[in-house]
Amino acid sequence: MEPFKEFILKNFKMLSIMLSFIVTIYIQHVGNITRINELTVRCNNLELRIKDQYEKIDAIKLDKTVFEATMTQLSIMQSDLREMRGDIRELLMMQK
């Protein structure tokens, strides 16, 4: 046991520096793990927000498509009405 005490007494400064270094590395490791977990949560939240934004964009695209289809149908109906008006005028003129 005596040689162990001598070793510790002779190398106390070096041992305390090594112990401090190991404790510092461990604290940094724990801090980094915590930070990684926080960043993972933030990343997941951002992915959810991005997914929500894509869903909104898809809904807007769908609304635009529906609007364009409705406008096309209205224009077809408008041309049909004009044609029917013309036919009615012709029929009325033929009756006179």
N, C-alpha and C. Protein backbone atom coordinates (compact mmCIF):
# COMPACT_ATOMS: atom_id res chain seq x y z
N MET A 1 0.81 -1.18 0.00
CA MET A 1 0.00 0.00 0.00
C MET A 1 0.86 1.25 0.00
N GLU A 2 2.03 1.14 0.56
CA GLU A 2 2.95 2.28 0.64
C GLU A 2 3.37 2.78 -0.74
N PRO A 3 3.69 1.90 -1.68
CA PRO A 3 4.07 2.42 -3.00
C PRO A 3 2.90 3.15 -3.69
N PHE A 4 1.67 2.72 -3.41
CA PHE A 4 0.52 3.38 -4.02
C PHE A 4 0.37 4.80 -3.49
N LYS A 5 0.58 4.97 -2.15
CA LYS A 5 0.51 6.30 -1.56
C LYS A 5 1.60 7.19 -2.13
N GLU A 6 2.79 6.63 -2.27
CA GLU A 6 3.90 7.41 -2.85
C GLU A 6 3.59 7.84 -4.26
N PHE A 7 3.03 6.91 -5.04
CA PHE A 7 2.68 7.23 -6.43
C PHE A 7 1.66 8.37 -6.48
N ILE A 8 0.65 8.29 -5.62
CA ILE A 8 -0.37 9.34 -5.60
C ILE A 8 0.23 10.66 -5.17
N LEU A 9 1.06 10.65 -4.15
CA LEU A 9 1.66 11.90 -3.66
C LEU A 9 2.59 12.50 -4.71
N LYS A 10 3.36 11.69 -5.39
CA LYS A 10 4.29 12.20 -6.40
C LYS A 10 3.54 12.73 -7.63
N ASN A 11 2.45 12.06 -7.98
CA ASN A 11 1.73 12.42 -9.22
C ASN A 11 0.36 13.06 -8.95
N PHE A 12 0.20 13.68 -7.80
CA PHE A 12 -1.09 14.26 -7.44
C PHE A 12 -1.55 15.31 -8.45
N LYS A 13 -0.63 16.15 -8.85
CA LYS A 13 -0.98 17.22 -9.80
C LYS A 13 -1.46 16.62 -11.13
N MET A 14 -0.71 15.64 -11.63
CA MET A 14 -1.07 15.02 -12.90
C MET A 14 -2.40 14.26 -12.78
N LEU A 15 -2.59 13.54 -11.68
CA LEU A 15 -3.83 12.81 -11.47
C LEU A 15 -5.03 13.75 -11.37
N SER A 16 -4.86 14.87 -10.67
CA SER A 16 -5.97 15.82 -10.55
C SER A 16 -6.29 16.46 -11.91
N ILE A 17 -5.28 16.71 -12.72
CA ILE A 17 -5.52 17.26 -14.07
C ILE A 17 -6.26 16.24 -14.92
N MET A 18 -5.85 14.98 -14.86
CA MET A 18 -6.51 13.94 -15.64
C MET A 18 -7.96 13.75 -15.19
N LEU A 19 -8.17 13.75 -13.86
CA LEU A 19 -9.53 13.61 -13.35
C LEU A 19 -10.40 14.79 -13.79
N SER A 20 -9.84 15.99 -13.73
CA SER A 20 -10.58 17.18 -14.18
C SER A 20 -10.90 17.07 -15.67
N PHE A 21 -9.96 16.58 -16.45
CA PHE A 21 -10.17 16.43 -17.89
C PHE A 21 -11.30 15.42 -18.16
N ILE A 22 -11.27 14.30 -17.45
CA ILE A 22 -12.29 13.27 -17.64
C ILE A 22 -13.67 13.79 -17.23
N VAL A 23 -13.73 14.51 -16.11
CA VAL A 23 -15.02 15.07 -15.67
C VAL A 23 -15.52 16.09 -16.69
N THR A 24 -14.63 16.92 -17.21
CA THR A 24 -15.01 17.93 -18.21
C THR A 24 -15.53 17.26 -19.48
N ILE A 25 -14.84 16.22 -19.93
CA ILE A 25 -15.29 15.50 -21.13
C ILE A 25 -16.66 14.88 -20.88
N TYR A 26 -16.89 14.32 -19.70
CA TYR A 26 -18.18 13.72 -19.39
C TYR A 26 -19.29 14.78 -19.38
N ILE A 27 -19.02 15.92 -18.77
CA ILE A 27 -20.01 17.01 -18.72
C ILE A 27 -20.33 17.48 -20.14
N GLN A 28 -19.32 17.62 -20.98
CA GLN A 28 -19.55 18.02 -22.36
C GLN A 28 -20.39 16.96 -23.09
N HIS A 29 -20.09 15.70 -22.83
CA HIS A 29 -20.84 14.60 -23.45
C HIS A 29 -22.32 14.68 -23.07
N VAL A 30 -22.60 14.84 -21.79
CA VAL A 30 -23.99 14.93 -21.32
C VAL A 30 -24.67 16.16 -21.92
N GLY A 31 -23.96 17.28 -21.95
CA GLY A 31 -24.51 18.50 -22.56
C GLY A 31 -24.80 18.31 -24.04
N ASN A 32 -23.89 17.65 -24.74
CA ASN A 32 -24.09 17.41 -26.17
C ASN A 32 -25.28 16.47 -26.43
N ILE A 33 -25.41 15.45 -25.60
CA ILE A 33 -26.55 14.53 -25.75
C ILE A 33 -27.86 15.29 -25.54
N THR A 34 -27.89 16.15 -24.52
CA THR A 34 -29.09 16.96 -24.26
C THR A 34 -29.39 17.86 -25.45
N ARG A 35 -28.37 18.49 -25.97
CA ARG A 35 -28.54 19.39 -27.13
C ARG A 35 -29.03 18.61 -28.36
N ILE A 36 -28.48 17.43 -28.56
CA ILE A 36 -28.91 16.59 -29.69
C ILE A 36 -30.38 16.23 -29.54
N ASN A 37 -30.80 15.90 -28.32
CA ASN A 37 -32.22 15.57 -28.10
C ASN A 37 -33.11 16.79 -28.36
N GLU A 38 -32.68 17.97 -27.93
CA GLU A 38 -33.45 19.19 -28.19
C GLU A 38 -33.54 19.44 -29.69
N LEU A 39 -32.43 19.28 -30.40
CA LEU A 39 -32.43 19.51 -31.84
C LEU A 39 -33.30 18.49 -32.57
N THR A 40 -33.32 17.26 -32.06
CA THR A 40 -34.18 16.24 -32.66
C THR A 40 -35.65 16.62 -32.52
N VAL A 41 -36.02 17.11 -31.35
CA VAL A 41 -37.41 17.55 -31.12
C VAL A 41 -37.73 18.72 -32.05
N ARG A 42 -36.83 19.68 -32.15
CA ARG A 42 -37.06 20.83 -33.03
C ARG A 42 -37.17 20.40 -34.49
N CYS A 43 -36.33 19.46 -34.88
CA CYS A 43 -36.37 18.95 -36.26
C CYS A 43 -37.70 18.27 -36.54
N ASN A 44 -38.18 17.48 -35.60
CA ASN A 44 -39.47 16.82 -35.77
C ASN A 44 -40.60 17.85 -35.88
N ASN A 45 -40.53 18.89 -35.04
CA ASN A 45 -41.54 19.94 -35.12
C ASN A 45 -41.50 20.65 -36.47
N LEU A 46 -40.30 20.91 -36.96
CA LEU A 46 -40.17 21.57 -38.27
C LEU A 46 -40.69 20.67 -39.39
N GLU A 47 -40.42 19.38 -39.29
CA GLU A 47 -40.93 18.46 -40.30
C GLU A 47 -42.45 18.43 -40.29
N LEU A 48 -43.06 18.50 -39.11
CA LEU A 48 -44.52 18.56 -39.03
C LEU A 48 -45.06 19.84 -39.66
N ARG A 49 -44.37 20.95 -39.39
CA ARG A 49 -44.80 22.23 -39.98
C ARG A 49 -44.66 22.21 -41.50
N ILE A 50 -43.58 21.61 -41.99
CA ILE A 50 -43.38 21.52 -43.43
C ILE A 50 -44.46 20.65 -44.05
N LYS A 51 -44.79 19.53 -43.40
CA LYS A 51 -45.84 18.67 -43.91
C LYS A 51 -47.17 19.41 -43.95
N ASP A 52 -47.46 20.19 -42.91
CA ASP A 52 -48.68 20.99 -42.87
C ASP A 52 -48.71 22.01 -44.00
N GLN A 53 -47.58 22.64 -44.25
CA GLN A 53 -47.51 23.63 -45.33
C GLN A 53 -47.74 22.96 -46.69
N TYR A 54 -47.17 21.77 -46.89
CA TYR A 54 -47.40 21.05 -48.15
C TYR A 54 -48.87 20.69 -48.31
N GLU A 55 -49.52 20.30 -47.21
CA GLU A 55 -50.94 19.99 -47.28
C GLU A 55 -51.74 21.23 -47.66
N LYS A 56 -51.36 22.38 -47.11
CA LYS A 56 -52.05 23.63 -47.45
C LYS A 56 -51.83 23.98 -48.92
N ILE A 57 -50.61 23.77 -49.40
CA ILE A 57 -50.31 24.05 -50.81
C ILE A 57 -51.14 23.13 -51.71
N ASP A 58 -51.23 21.85 -51.33
CA ASP A 58 -52.04 20.91 -52.11
C ASP A 58 -53.50 21.33 -52.12
N ALA A 59 -53.99 21.82 -50.98
CA ALA A 59 -55.39 22.27 -50.92
C ALA A 59 -55.59 23.48 -51.82
N ILE A 60 -54.62 24.39 -51.85
CA ILE A 60 -54.71 25.56 -52.72
C ILE A 60 -54.71 25.13 -54.18
N LYS A 61 -53.85 24.17 -54.51
CA LYS A 61 -53.81 23.66 -55.89
C LYS A 61 -55.15 23.05 -56.27
N LEU A 62 -55.74 22.29 -55.33
CA LEU A 62 -57.04 21.68 -55.58
C LEU A 62 -58.11 22.75 -55.78
N ASP A 63 -58.09 23.77 -54.93
CA ASP A 63 -59.04 24.88 -55.08
C ASP A 63 -58.88 25.56 -56.43
N LYS A 64 -57.64 25.75 -56.85
CA LYS A 64 -57.38 26.38 -58.14
C LYS A 64 -57.92 25.51 -59.27
N THR A 65 -57.70 24.22 -59.18
CA THR A 65 -58.19 23.30 -60.21
C THR A 65 -59.71 23.30 -60.27
N VAL A 66 -60.34 23.29 -59.11
CA VAL A 66 -61.80 23.32 -59.07
C VAL A 66 -62.32 24.63 -59.65
N PHE A 67 -61.66 25.74 -59.32
CA PHE A 67 -62.06 27.04 -59.87
C PHE A 67 -61.94 27.06 -61.39
N GLU A 68 -60.81 26.54 -61.88
CA GLU A 68 -60.61 26.52 -63.34
C GLU A 68 -61.65 25.65 -64.02
N ALA A 69 -61.98 24.50 -63.42
CA ALA A 69 -63.00 23.62 -64.01
C ALA A 69 -64.36 24.31 -63.99
N THR A 70 -64.68 24.99 -62.91
CA THR A 70 -65.94 25.71 -62.81
C THR A 70 -66.01 26.81 -63.86
N MET A 71 -64.92 27.55 -64.03
CA MET A 71 -64.90 28.62 -65.03
C MET A 71 -65.06 28.04 -66.43
N THR A 72 -64.47 26.92 -66.69
CA THR A 72 -64.62 26.27 -68.00
C THR A 72 -66.08 25.87 -68.22
N GLN A 73 -66.68 25.28 -67.21
CA GLN A 73 -68.09 24.89 -67.33
C GLN A 73 -68.98 26.10 -67.51
N LEU A 74 -68.70 27.18 -66.79
CA LEU A 74 -69.50 28.39 -66.94
C LEU A 74 -69.37 28.97 -68.34
N SER A 75 -68.17 28.93 -68.88
CA SER A 75 -67.99 29.46 -70.23
C SER A 75 -68.72 28.60 -71.25
N ILE A 76 -68.72 27.29 -71.05
CA ILE A 76 -69.47 26.39 -71.94
C ILE A 76 -70.97 26.68 -71.82
N MET A 77 -71.45 26.84 -70.59
CA MET A 77 -72.87 27.15 -70.38
C MET A 77 -73.22 28.50 -71.01
N GLN A 78 -72.33 29.46 -70.90
CA GLN A 78 -72.58 30.77 -71.47
C GLN A 78 -72.70 30.68 -73.00
N SER A 79 -71.81 29.92 -73.62
CA SER A 79 -71.89 29.78 -75.07
C SER A 79 -73.15 29.02 -75.48
N ASP A 80 -73.55 28.02 -74.67
CA ASP A 80 -74.80 27.30 -74.94
C ASP A 80 -76.00 28.23 -74.83
N LEU A 81 -76.01 29.09 -73.82
CA LEU A 81 -77.12 30.04 -73.66
C LEU A 81 -77.20 31.00 -74.85
N ARG A 82 -76.03 31.46 -75.28
CA ARG A 82 -76.02 32.36 -76.45
C ARG A 82 -76.58 31.65 -77.68
N GLU A 83 -76.20 30.39 -77.84
CA GLU A 83 -76.68 29.62 -78.98
C GLU A 83 -78.20 29.43 -78.88
N MET A 84 -78.68 29.12 -77.65
CA MET A 84 -80.12 28.95 -77.48
C MET A 84 -80.87 30.26 -77.74
N ARG A 85 -80.31 31.39 -77.32
CA ARG A 85 -80.93 32.68 -77.60
C ARG A 85 -81.06 32.91 -79.10
N GLY A 86 -79.96 32.61 -79.77
CA GLY A 86 -79.99 32.77 -81.23
C GLY A 86 -81.05 31.90 -81.86
N ASP A 87 -81.16 30.66 -81.40
CA ASP A 87 -82.17 29.75 -81.94
C ASP A 87 -83.58 30.26 -81.64
N ILE A 88 -83.78 30.77 -80.42
CA ILE A 88 -85.10 31.30 -80.05
C ILE A 88 -85.45 32.51 -80.91
N ARG A 89 -84.48 33.38 -81.16
CA ARG A 89 -84.72 34.54 -82.02
C ARG A 89 -85.12 34.10 -83.43
N GLU A 90 -84.39 33.10 -83.91
CA GLU A 90 -84.70 32.61 -85.27
C GLU A 90 -86.13 32.04 -85.31
N LEU A 91 -86.50 31.28 -84.27
CA LEU A 91 -87.84 30.71 -84.23
C LEU A 91 -88.91 31.81 -84.15
N LEU A 92 -88.64 32.82 -83.34
CA LEU A 92 -89.58 33.92 -83.23
C LEU A 92 -89.71 34.70 -84.54
N MET A 93 -88.57 34.86 -85.20
CA MET A 93 -88.62 35.57 -86.48
C MET A 93 -89.38 34.76 -87.53
N MET A 94 -89.26 33.45 -87.45
CA MET A 94 -89.97 32.60 -88.42
C MET A 94 -91.48 32.63 -88.18
N GLN A 95 -91.90 32.85 -86.96
CA GLN A 95 -93.33 32.88 -86.66
C GLN A 95 -93.97 34.17 -87.13
N LYS A 96 -93.24 35.22 -87.27
CA LYS A 96 -93.82 36.49 -87.69
C LYS A 96 -94.09 36.54 -89.13
